N, C-alpha and C. Protein backbone atom coordinates (compact mmCIF):
# COMPACT_ATOMS: atom_id res chain seq x y z
N MET A 1 -4.84 -5.79 19.42
CA MET A 1 -4.94 -6.84 18.59
C MET A 1 -5.25 -6.91 17.43
N SER A 2 -4.25 -6.61 16.31
CA SER A 2 -4.73 -6.92 15.06
C SER A 2 -6.01 -7.81 14.19
N ASN A 3 -6.46 -7.80 13.20
CA ASN A 3 -6.99 -9.29 12.51
C ASN A 3 -6.20 -9.49 11.57
N LYS A 4 -6.50 -10.47 10.98
CA LYS A 4 -5.43 -11.23 10.23
C LYS A 4 -6.36 -11.34 8.74
N LEU A 5 -5.93 -10.52 7.72
CA LEU A 5 -6.90 -10.31 6.73
C LEU A 5 -7.01 -11.60 5.68
N VAL A 6 -7.77 -12.21 5.28
CA VAL A 6 -8.51 -13.41 4.57
C VAL A 6 -8.39 -13.32 2.70
N SER A 7 -7.19 -14.07 2.92
CA SER A 7 -7.53 -14.02 1.24
C SER A 7 -8.21 -14.82 0.50
N GLY A 8 -8.99 -13.77 -0.48
CA GLY A 8 -10.15 -13.85 -1.35
C GLY A 8 -11.10 -13.05 -0.77
N GLY A 9 -10.94 -12.17 0.83
CA GLY A 9 -11.68 -11.20 0.71
C GLY A 9 -11.75 -10.08 0.80
N THR A 10 -12.05 -9.10 1.60
CA THR A 10 -11.77 -7.57 0.75
C THR A 10 -11.02 -6.65 1.94
N LEU A 11 -10.64 -5.83 1.86
CA LEU A 11 -10.06 -4.80 2.87
C LEU A 11 -11.39 -4.00 3.65
N PRO A 12 -10.65 -4.03 4.29
CA PRO A 12 -11.89 -2.75 4.87
C PRO A 12 -12.02 -1.66 4.60
N ALA A 13 -13.22 -1.05 4.22
CA ALA A 13 -13.26 0.21 3.81
C ALA A 13 -13.30 1.41 4.74
N ILE A 14 -11.59 1.82 4.49
CA ILE A 14 -11.16 2.60 4.89
C ILE A 14 -10.80 3.87 3.91
N THR A 15 -11.42 4.93 4.53
CA THR A 15 -11.33 6.05 3.10
C THR A 15 -10.10 7.01 4.35
N LEU A 16 -9.57 7.67 3.40
CA LEU A 16 -8.70 8.19 3.89
C LEU A 16 -8.39 9.74 2.94
N PRO A 17 -8.11 10.71 3.42
CA PRO A 17 -7.93 12.16 2.43
C PRO A 17 -6.48 11.48 1.68
N LEU A 18 -6.18 12.44 0.13
CA LEU A 18 -4.95 12.46 -0.47
C LEU A 18 -4.80 13.69 -0.87
N VAL A 19 -3.01 13.45 -0.39
CA VAL A 19 -2.15 14.57 -0.83
C VAL A 19 -2.66 15.43 -2.14
N GLY A 20 -3.48 16.50 -1.95
CA GLY A 20 -3.66 17.28 -3.28
C GLY A 20 -5.07 17.04 -3.58
N GLY A 21 -5.74 16.74 -2.17
CA GLY A 21 -7.40 16.54 -2.62
C GLY A 21 -7.88 15.30 -2.73
N GLY A 22 -9.22 15.23 -2.29
CA GLY A 22 -9.78 14.23 -2.30
C GLY A 22 -9.82 13.31 -1.48
N GLU A 23 -10.39 12.05 -1.30
CA GLU A 23 -10.22 11.10 -0.52
C GLU A 23 -10.23 9.56 -1.57
N ALA A 24 -10.03 8.82 -0.82
CA ALA A 24 -9.18 7.70 -1.18
C ALA A 24 -10.40 6.31 -0.14
N THR A 25 -10.67 5.44 -0.94
CA THR A 25 -11.57 4.43 0.02
C THR A 25 -10.07 3.03 -0.67
N LEU A 26 -10.16 2.42 0.70
CA LEU A 26 -9.10 0.49 0.31
C LEU A 26 -10.23 0.22 -0.07
N GLY A 27 -10.05 -0.57 -1.11
CA GLY A 27 -10.48 -1.44 -1.75
C GLY A 27 -11.32 -0.97 -3.15
N GLU A 28 -11.56 0.31 -3.16
CA GLU A 28 -12.86 1.00 -4.30
C GLU A 28 -11.63 1.76 -5.29
N SER A 29 -11.58 1.35 -6.27
CA SER A 29 -10.69 1.25 -7.40
C SER A 29 -11.81 2.90 -8.27
N LYS A 30 -10.81 3.84 -8.52
CA LYS A 30 -11.64 5.09 -9.14
C LYS A 30 -12.38 4.29 -10.58
N SER A 31 -11.53 2.75 -11.17
CA SER A 31 -12.39 3.02 -12.39
C SER A 31 -13.05 1.25 -11.89
N SER A 32 -13.52 0.76 -12.98
CA SER A 32 -13.86 -0.83 -13.30
C SER A 32 -13.26 -1.61 -13.53
N ASN A 33 -13.30 -3.14 -13.04
CA ASN A 33 -12.31 -4.17 -14.01
C ASN A 33 -10.64 -3.49 -14.01
N VAL A 34 -10.15 -2.92 -12.84
CA VAL A 34 -9.15 -2.99 -12.78
C VAL A 34 -8.54 -3.74 -11.41
N TRP A 35 -7.15 -3.78 -10.90
CA TRP A 35 -6.68 -4.01 -10.39
C TRP A 35 -6.17 -2.41 -9.05
N GLN A 36 -6.24 -3.13 -7.69
CA GLN A 36 -6.29 -1.74 -6.83
C GLN A 36 -4.67 -2.80 -6.22
N ILE A 37 -3.50 -1.80 -6.54
CA ILE A 37 -2.17 -1.75 -5.52
C ILE A 37 -1.86 -0.73 -4.17
N VAL A 38 -2.15 -1.46 -3.18
CA VAL A 38 -2.26 -0.49 -1.86
C VAL A 38 -1.07 -1.25 -1.33
N ILE A 39 -0.45 -0.08 -1.41
CA ILE A 39 1.16 -0.15 -0.76
C ILE A 39 1.28 0.61 0.84
N VAL A 40 1.50 -0.23 2.02
CA VAL A 40 1.45 0.77 2.84
C VAL A 40 3.18 0.81 3.12
N TYR A 41 3.33 2.20 3.42
CA TYR A 41 4.89 2.53 3.81
C TYR A 41 5.20 2.94 5.10
N ARG A 42 5.99 3.19 6.15
CA ARG A 42 6.34 3.57 7.00
C ARG A 42 6.28 4.77 7.32
N GLY A 43 6.59 5.89 6.49
CA GLY A 43 6.81 7.39 6.90
C GLY A 43 7.80 8.16 5.84
N LEU A 44 7.68 9.49 6.09
CA LEU A 44 8.98 10.37 5.55
C LEU A 44 10.01 9.98 6.15
N HIS A 45 9.92 9.59 7.27
CA HIS A 45 11.51 9.44 8.10
C HIS A 45 12.25 8.30 7.55
N CYS A 46 11.63 7.17 6.95
CA CYS A 46 12.52 6.17 6.68
C CYS A 46 13.00 6.26 5.19
N PRO A 47 14.32 5.83 5.13
CA PRO A 47 14.75 6.01 3.84
C PRO A 47 14.45 5.16 2.99
N ILE A 48 14.36 3.90 3.35
CA ILE A 48 14.07 2.40 2.53
C ILE A 48 12.49 2.97 2.23
N CYS A 49 12.19 3.52 2.51
CA CYS A 49 10.48 4.09 1.76
C CYS A 49 10.74 4.77 0.88
N HIS A 50 12.09 5.60 0.79
CA HIS A 50 12.06 6.85 -0.25
C HIS A 50 12.31 6.16 -1.49
N LYS A 51 13.44 5.34 -1.23
CA LYS A 51 13.86 4.08 -2.70
C LYS A 51 12.72 3.68 -3.23
N TYR A 52 11.83 2.85 -2.11
CA TYR A 52 10.67 1.75 -2.60
C TYR A 52 10.01 2.63 -3.27
N LEU A 53 9.33 4.05 -2.82
CA LEU A 53 8.77 4.56 -3.98
C LEU A 53 8.72 4.94 -4.85
N LYS A 54 10.02 5.48 -5.41
CA LYS A 54 10.81 6.17 -5.99
C LYS A 54 11.26 4.83 -6.96
N ARG A 55 11.09 3.65 -6.77
CA ARG A 55 11.16 2.30 -7.50
C ARG A 55 9.64 2.02 -7.86
N LEU A 56 8.77 2.17 -7.53
CA LEU A 56 7.10 2.46 -7.79
C LEU A 56 6.94 3.32 -8.63
N GLU A 57 7.52 4.55 -8.25
CA GLU A 57 7.44 5.14 -9.59
C GLU A 57 7.86 5.13 -10.53
N GLU A 58 8.94 4.21 -10.75
CA GLU A 58 9.43 3.39 -12.05
C GLU A 58 8.76 2.78 -12.90
N LEU A 59 7.89 2.13 -12.07
CA LEU A 59 7.22 0.89 -12.74
C LEU A 59 5.62 1.37 -12.70
N ARG A 60 5.35 2.35 -12.57
CA ARG A 60 3.97 3.72 -12.55
C ARG A 60 3.68 3.09 -13.58
N GLU A 61 4.02 2.95 -14.83
CA GLU A 61 3.39 2.64 -16.14
C GLU A 61 2.81 1.25 -16.76
N GLY A 62 4.07 0.75 -16.24
CA GLY A 62 3.79 -0.60 -16.10
C GLY A 62 2.32 -1.43 -15.32
N PHE A 63 2.70 -0.88 -14.21
CA PHE A 63 0.81 -1.04 -13.33
C PHE A 63 -0.08 -0.59 -14.18
N THR A 64 0.07 0.67 -14.89
CA THR A 64 -1.26 1.25 -15.62
C THR A 64 -1.49 0.42 -16.51
N ASN A 65 -0.13 -0.01 -17.36
CA ASN A 65 -0.89 -0.89 -18.51
C ASN A 65 -1.06 -2.43 -18.23
N ALA A 66 -1.08 -2.37 -17.01
CA ALA A 66 -1.18 -3.71 -16.69
C ALA A 66 -3.16 -3.46 -15.90
N SER A 67 -3.32 -2.47 -16.26
CA SER A 67 -4.67 -1.91 -15.47
C SER A 67 -4.80 -2.39 -13.67
N ALA A 68 -3.70 -1.46 -13.24
CA ALA A 68 -3.90 -1.78 -11.92
C ALA A 68 -3.49 -0.23 -11.21
N GLU A 69 -3.85 -0.23 -10.92
CA GLU A 69 -3.92 1.63 -9.82
C GLU A 69 -3.24 1.21 -8.72
N ILE A 70 -2.56 2.56 -8.75
CA ILE A 70 -1.30 2.52 -7.27
C ILE A 70 -2.20 3.48 -5.95
N LEU A 71 -2.09 2.81 -5.07
CA LEU A 71 -2.37 3.59 -3.76
C LEU A 71 -1.87 3.81 -2.92
N ALA A 72 -0.39 4.42 -2.50
CA ALA A 72 0.32 4.46 -1.33
C ALA A 72 -0.20 5.26 -0.07
N VAL A 73 0.10 4.65 1.60
CA VAL A 73 -0.96 5.12 2.49
C VAL A 73 0.28 4.67 3.57
N SER A 74 0.34 6.19 4.91
CA SER A 74 0.92 5.96 5.68
C SER A 74 0.01 6.58 6.70
N GLY A 75 0.70 6.31 7.83
CA GLY A 75 0.33 7.56 8.84
C GLY A 75 1.08 8.78 9.23
N ASP A 76 1.79 9.11 8.29
CA ASP A 76 1.96 10.91 8.46
C ASP A 76 0.91 11.69 8.32
N PRO A 77 1.01 12.59 8.63
CA PRO A 77 0.05 13.83 8.25
C PRO A 77 0.23 14.43 6.82
N LEU A 78 -0.46 15.21 6.68
CA LEU A 78 -0.36 15.49 5.27
C LEU A 78 0.85 16.61 4.75
N GLU A 79 1.35 17.46 6.13
CA GLU A 79 2.55 17.65 5.33
C GLU A 79 4.05 16.77 4.95
N LYS A 80 4.41 15.91 5.87
CA LYS A 80 5.10 14.61 5.39
C LYS A 80 4.56 14.01 4.53
N ALA A 81 3.41 13.46 4.25
CA ALA A 81 2.78 12.92 2.84
C ALA A 81 3.34 13.76 1.58
N LEU A 82 3.26 14.95 1.54
CA LEU A 82 3.32 15.67 0.48
C LEU A 82 4.61 16.14 0.49
N SER A 83 5.16 15.80 1.34
CA SER A 83 6.97 16.22 0.94
C SER A 83 7.03 15.10 0.32
N MET A 84 6.99 13.69 0.66
CA MET A 84 7.22 12.47 0.53
C MET A 84 7.34 12.55 -1.74
N LYS A 85 5.97 13.16 -1.70
CA LYS A 85 5.59 12.98 -3.10
C LYS A 85 6.09 14.17 -3.83
N GLU A 86 6.42 15.29 -3.34
CA GLU A 86 7.00 15.96 -4.01
C GLU A 86 8.77 15.97 -3.99
N ASN A 87 9.14 15.33 -3.06
CA ASN A 87 10.74 15.15 -3.26
C ASN A 87 10.87 14.30 -4.18
N HIS A 88 10.21 13.56 -4.69
CA HIS A 88 10.49 12.11 -5.20
C HIS A 88 9.73 11.76 -6.81
N GLY A 89 8.80 13.85 -6.82
CA GLY A 89 7.97 13.41 -7.68
C GLY A 89 7.27 12.02 -8.33
N LEU A 90 6.68 11.74 -7.42
CA LEU A 90 5.39 11.09 -7.13
C LEU A 90 3.86 11.21 -7.66
N ARG A 91 3.59 10.57 -8.80
CA ARG A 91 2.86 11.33 -9.48
C ARG A 91 1.49 9.95 -9.55
N PHE A 92 1.60 9.08 -8.17
CA PHE A 92 0.19 8.08 -8.10
C PHE A 92 0.18 8.40 -6.63
N PRO A 93 -1.24 8.14 -6.12
CA PRO A 93 -2.01 8.68 -5.45
C PRO A 93 -1.35 8.43 -3.96
N ILE A 94 -1.14 9.72 -3.23
CA ILE A 94 -0.56 9.01 -1.41
C ILE A 94 -1.75 9.79 -0.63
N ALA A 95 -2.27 8.38 0.18
CA ALA A 95 -2.80 8.70 1.46
C ALA A 95 -2.06 9.15 2.36
N TYR A 96 -2.91 9.44 3.14
CA TYR A 96 -2.01 10.12 4.83
C TYR A 96 -3.00 9.68 5.99
N ASP A 97 -2.53 9.93 6.87
CA ASP A 97 -3.07 9.82 8.35
C ASP A 97 -3.62 9.07 8.99
N LEU A 98 -3.21 7.74 8.15
CA LEU A 98 -3.71 6.43 8.56
C LEU A 98 -3.36 6.10 9.97
N SER A 99 -4.45 6.00 11.07
CA SER A 99 -4.40 5.97 12.29
C SER A 99 -4.66 4.57 12.92
N ILE A 100 -3.95 4.29 14.01
CA ILE A 100 -3.02 3.39 14.92
C ILE A 100 -4.77 2.44 14.49
N PRO A 101 -5.54 2.52 15.22
CA PRO A 101 -7.37 1.66 14.72
C PRO A 101 -6.89 1.23 13.27
N GLN A 102 -7.06 1.71 12.95
CA GLN A 102 -7.06 1.61 11.27
C GLN A 102 -5.83 0.86 10.84
N MET A 103 -4.63 0.67 11.21
CA MET A 103 -3.19 0.02 11.04
C MET A 103 -4.18 -1.35 11.49
N ARG A 104 -4.71 -1.47 12.68
CA ARG A 104 -4.35 -2.86 13.49
C ARG A 104 -5.98 -3.35 12.10
N GLN A 105 -6.83 -2.43 11.97
CA GLN A 105 -7.73 -3.59 10.59
C GLN A 105 -7.27 -3.87 9.70
N LEU A 106 -6.05 -3.14 9.51
CA LEU A 106 -5.54 -4.09 8.18
C LEU A 106 -4.46 -5.00 8.74
N GLY A 107 -4.42 -5.32 10.11
CA GLY A 107 -3.70 -6.56 10.55
C GLY A 107 -2.39 -6.14 10.45
N LEU A 108 -1.67 -5.18 10.31
CA LEU A 108 -0.37 -4.37 10.01
C LEU A 108 0.67 -4.68 11.07
N TYR A 109 1.68 -4.64 10.79
CA TYR A 109 2.68 -4.55 12.05
C TYR A 109 2.64 -3.14 12.52
N ILE A 110 3.33 -2.75 13.88
CA ILE A 110 3.12 -1.11 14.17
C ILE A 110 4.07 -0.89 15.30
N SER A 111 5.09 -0.15 15.11
CA SER A 111 6.43 0.25 15.77
C SER A 111 6.41 1.58 16.17
N ASP A 112 6.92 1.49 17.53
CA ASP A 112 7.02 2.97 17.87
C ASP A 112 8.33 3.91 17.32
N PRO A 113 8.43 5.22 17.62
CA PRO A 113 10.01 5.44 17.11
C PRO A 113 11.19 5.38 17.73
N ARG A 114 11.84 5.27 17.50
CA ARG A 114 13.19 5.09 17.91
C ARG A 114 13.56 6.47 18.93
N GLY A 115 13.18 7.40 18.74
CA GLY A 115 13.18 8.32 19.21
C GLY A 115 12.88 9.80 18.39
N PRO A 116 12.88 10.99 18.91
CA PRO A 116 12.44 11.85 18.57
C PRO A 116 13.06 12.21 16.63
N GLN A 117 14.10 12.03 16.81
CA GLN A 117 15.01 12.00 15.26
C GLN A 117 14.47 11.32 14.40
N GLU A 118 13.64 10.15 14.88
CA GLU A 118 12.97 9.81 13.92
C GLU A 118 11.92 9.70 13.69
N THR A 119 10.42 10.14 14.20
CA THR A 119 9.67 10.59 14.40
C THR A 119 8.53 10.82 15.11
N ASP A 120 7.61 11.13 15.04
CA ASP A 120 6.91 11.92 16.84
C ASP A 120 6.33 10.95 16.87
N ARG A 121 5.14 9.84 15.88
CA ARG A 121 4.42 8.94 16.45
C ARG A 121 4.70 7.77 16.04
N PRO A 122 4.05 6.97 16.68
CA PRO A 122 3.99 5.08 15.70
C PRO A 122 3.23 5.28 14.78
N PHE A 123 4.12 3.89 13.85
CA PHE A 123 3.88 4.18 12.45
C PHE A 123 3.84 2.58 11.87
N ALA A 124 3.17 1.99 11.02
CA ALA A 124 3.25 1.10 10.33
C ALA A 124 3.97 0.76 9.34
N GLU A 125 4.19 -0.71 9.57
CA GLU A 125 5.46 -1.38 9.03
C GLU A 125 4.98 -1.92 7.61
N PRO A 126 5.89 -1.92 6.83
CA PRO A 126 5.29 -1.95 5.38
C PRO A 126 4.46 -2.81 5.03
N ALA A 127 3.60 -2.51 4.83
CA ALA A 127 2.57 -3.70 3.66
C ALA A 127 2.46 -3.63 2.05
N THR A 128 1.77 -4.67 1.80
CA THR A 128 1.47 -4.74 -0.02
C THR A 128 -0.01 -5.77 0.25
N PHE A 129 -1.13 -5.15 -0.23
CA PHE A 129 -2.43 -5.99 -0.97
C PHE A 129 -2.07 -5.45 -2.15
N ALA A 130 -3.06 -6.75 -3.07
CA ALA A 130 -2.75 -6.44 -4.69
C ALA A 130 -4.51 -6.77 -4.57
N LEU A 131 -5.54 -6.52 -5.00
CA LEU A 131 -6.83 -6.44 -4.81
C LEU A 131 -7.10 -6.66 -6.32
N ASN A 132 -7.69 -8.08 -6.68
CA ASN A 132 -7.33 -8.06 -8.11
C ASN A 132 -8.77 -7.64 -8.74
N ARG A 133 -9.56 -7.78 -10.15
CA ARG A 133 -10.38 -6.95 -10.85
C ARG A 133 -11.88 -7.44 -10.25
N ASP A 134 -11.84 -8.12 -9.20
CA ASP A 134 -13.25 -8.01 -8.61
C ASP A 134 -12.96 -7.77 -6.89
N GLY A 135 -11.78 -7.32 -6.91
CA GLY A 135 -11.86 -6.57 -5.81
C GLY A 135 -11.44 -7.42 -4.91
N LYS A 136 -11.24 -8.24 -4.67
CA LYS A 136 -10.50 -9.63 -3.98
C LYS A 136 -9.24 -9.10 -3.42
N ILE A 137 -8.75 -9.71 -2.47
CA ILE A 137 -7.40 -9.61 -2.00
C ILE A 137 -6.78 -10.87 -2.13
N GLN A 138 -5.79 -10.86 -3.39
CA GLN A 138 -4.99 -11.78 -4.01
C GLN A 138 -3.61 -12.07 -3.95
N LEU A 139 -3.17 -11.04 -2.91
CA LEU A 139 -1.87 -10.88 -3.00
C LEU A 139 -1.93 -9.98 -1.66
N ILE A 140 -0.94 -10.52 -0.10
CA ILE A 140 -0.65 -9.89 0.74
C ILE A 140 0.92 -10.30 1.52
N GLU A 141 1.19 -8.81 1.67
CA GLU A 141 2.40 -9.13 2.18
C GLU A 141 2.55 -8.66 3.30
N LEU A 142 3.27 -8.82 4.43
CA LEU A 142 3.32 -8.09 5.54
C LEU A 142 4.77 -7.84 6.28
N SER A 143 5.12 -7.00 6.50
CA SER A 143 6.90 -6.87 7.27
C SER A 143 6.50 -6.43 9.00
N ASN A 144 7.21 -6.85 9.33
CA ASN A 144 7.37 -6.47 10.88
C ASN A 144 8.79 -5.48 10.85
N THR A 145 9.59 -5.28 9.87
CA THR A 145 10.70 -4.51 9.56
C THR A 145 10.46 -3.45 7.96
N PRO A 146 11.69 -3.02 8.02
CA PRO A 146 11.57 -1.95 6.82
C PRO A 146 12.22 -2.47 6.31
N PHE A 147 12.60 -3.94 6.30
CA PHE A 147 13.45 -4.37 4.79
C PHE A 147 13.19 -6.04 4.50
N ASN A 148 12.18 -5.58 4.82
CA ASN A 148 11.43 -7.06 4.25
C ASN A 148 10.14 -6.75 3.59
N ARG A 149 10.58 -6.47 2.48
CA ARG A 149 9.04 -5.89 1.01
C ARG A 149 8.91 -6.65 0.09
N ALA A 150 7.55 -6.73 -0.42
CA ALA A 150 7.24 -7.47 -1.95
C ALA A 150 8.26 -6.62 -3.23
N ASP A 151 8.80 -7.22 -3.61
CA ASP A 151 9.56 -7.02 -5.21
C ASP A 151 8.73 -6.50 -6.28
N LEU A 152 8.95 -5.12 -5.72
CA LEU A 152 7.62 -4.58 -6.97
C LEU A 152 7.97 -5.16 -8.42
N SER A 153 9.03 -5.04 -9.26
CA SER A 153 9.11 -5.85 -10.44
C SER A 153 8.28 -7.28 -10.15
N GLU A 154 8.69 -8.12 -9.37
CA GLU A 154 7.93 -9.12 -9.49
C GLU A 154 6.40 -8.89 -9.18
N LEU A 155 5.87 -7.98 -8.06
CA LEU A 155 4.46 -7.77 -8.06
C LEU A 155 3.97 -7.14 -9.36
N LEU A 156 4.66 -6.58 -10.33
CA LEU A 156 4.15 -6.52 -11.31
C LEU A 156 3.85 -7.22 -12.28
N GLU A 157 5.01 -8.49 -12.77
CA GLU A 157 4.89 -9.41 -13.43
C GLU A 157 3.43 -10.69 -12.79
N SER A 158 3.37 -10.41 -11.62
CA SER A 158 2.68 -11.44 -10.90
C SER A 158 1.26 -11.03 -11.17
N VAL A 159 1.14 -9.67 -11.16
CA VAL A 159 -0.53 -9.03 -11.52
C VAL A 159 -0.61 -9.45 -13.20
N GLU A 160 0.17 -9.52 -14.20
CA GLU A 160 0.34 -9.66 -15.23
C GLU A 160 -0.13 -11.26 -15.38
N TRP A 161 0.59 -11.86 -14.48
CA TRP A 161 0.63 -13.38 -15.19
C TRP A 161 -0.52 -14.22 -14.74
N ILE A 162 -1.03 -13.13 -13.21
CA ILE A 162 -2.41 -13.76 -12.91
C ILE A 162 -3.61 -13.55 -13.84
N ASP A 163 -3.38 -12.52 -14.64
CA ASP A 163 -4.31 -11.93 -15.37
C ASP A 163 -4.52 -13.17 -16.99
N GLU A 164 -3.23 -13.34 -16.86
CA GLU A 164 -3.30 -14.15 -18.25
C GLU A 164 -3.32 -15.39 -18.16
N ASN A 165 -3.23 -15.69 -17.13
CA ASN A 165 -3.73 -17.18 -16.37
C ASN A 165 -4.44 -17.39 -15.97
N ASP A 166 -5.59 -16.97 -15.39
CA ASP A 166 -6.35 -16.83 -14.67
C ASP A 166 -6.42 -17.91 -13.31
N TYR A 167 -5.36 -17.39 -12.71
CA TYR A 167 -4.61 -18.14 -11.44
C TYR A 167 -5.38 -18.03 -10.65
N PRO A 168 -5.92 -18.87 -10.28
CA PRO A 168 -6.63 -18.25 -8.39
C PRO A 168 -5.98 -17.67 -7.28
N ILE A 169 -7.07 -17.51 -6.29
CA ILE A 169 -6.66 -16.67 -5.01
C ILE A 169 -6.05 -18.34 -4.75
N ARG A 170 -4.62 -18.06 -3.47
CA ARG A 170 -4.17 -18.90 -3.29
C ARG A 170 -4.49 -18.41 -1.46
N GLY A 171 -4.23 -19.46 -0.70
CA GLY A 171 -4.26 -19.10 1.18
C GLY A 171 -5.51 -19.25 1.39
N THR A 172 -6.56 -19.65 0.92
CA THR A 172 -8.16 -19.59 1.33
C THR A 172 -7.98 -19.99 2.57
N HIS A 173 -7.40 -20.72 3.10
CA HIS A 173 -7.44 -21.40 4.30
C HIS A 173 -7.12 -21.04 5.70
N SER A 174 -7.70 -20.61 6.37
CA SER A 174 -6.63 -19.64 7.47
C SER A 174 -6.67 -20.44 9.13
């Protein structure tokens, strides 16, 4: 059974290795007073993830200008995460080896591969978590399929608008 994360709460402090070395902890930004945008992607096997992460790279500078750090996360092993990063020239951090228990902690939908031609392990379906400057969950988007994801341009505009208008966290009644 998975958890339902609470708006205004925090992400579980899951620490994962990063492609290129080092670690990242969900909910802990490298800098102070910034947003952390956590994008969970299905894995190297997913052609929609390729397009989505390429689009995220195109918007990376906009997120940086909005004081938002990006962190992409998957259950892929290092080799597959490295291939995703290198094949698309991704310059934002990519964390890997998200385990099934960790996926459940995040409340993610988990799928089995359709067969060995897809991948060799269960994987998380897409999700987006935007943590505001206080480290609180401001935006949550979960999908049970590869097709339904947060629009990245709209996400960037939302982060900027929320900051400019001191918009409160919504959906706090569970």
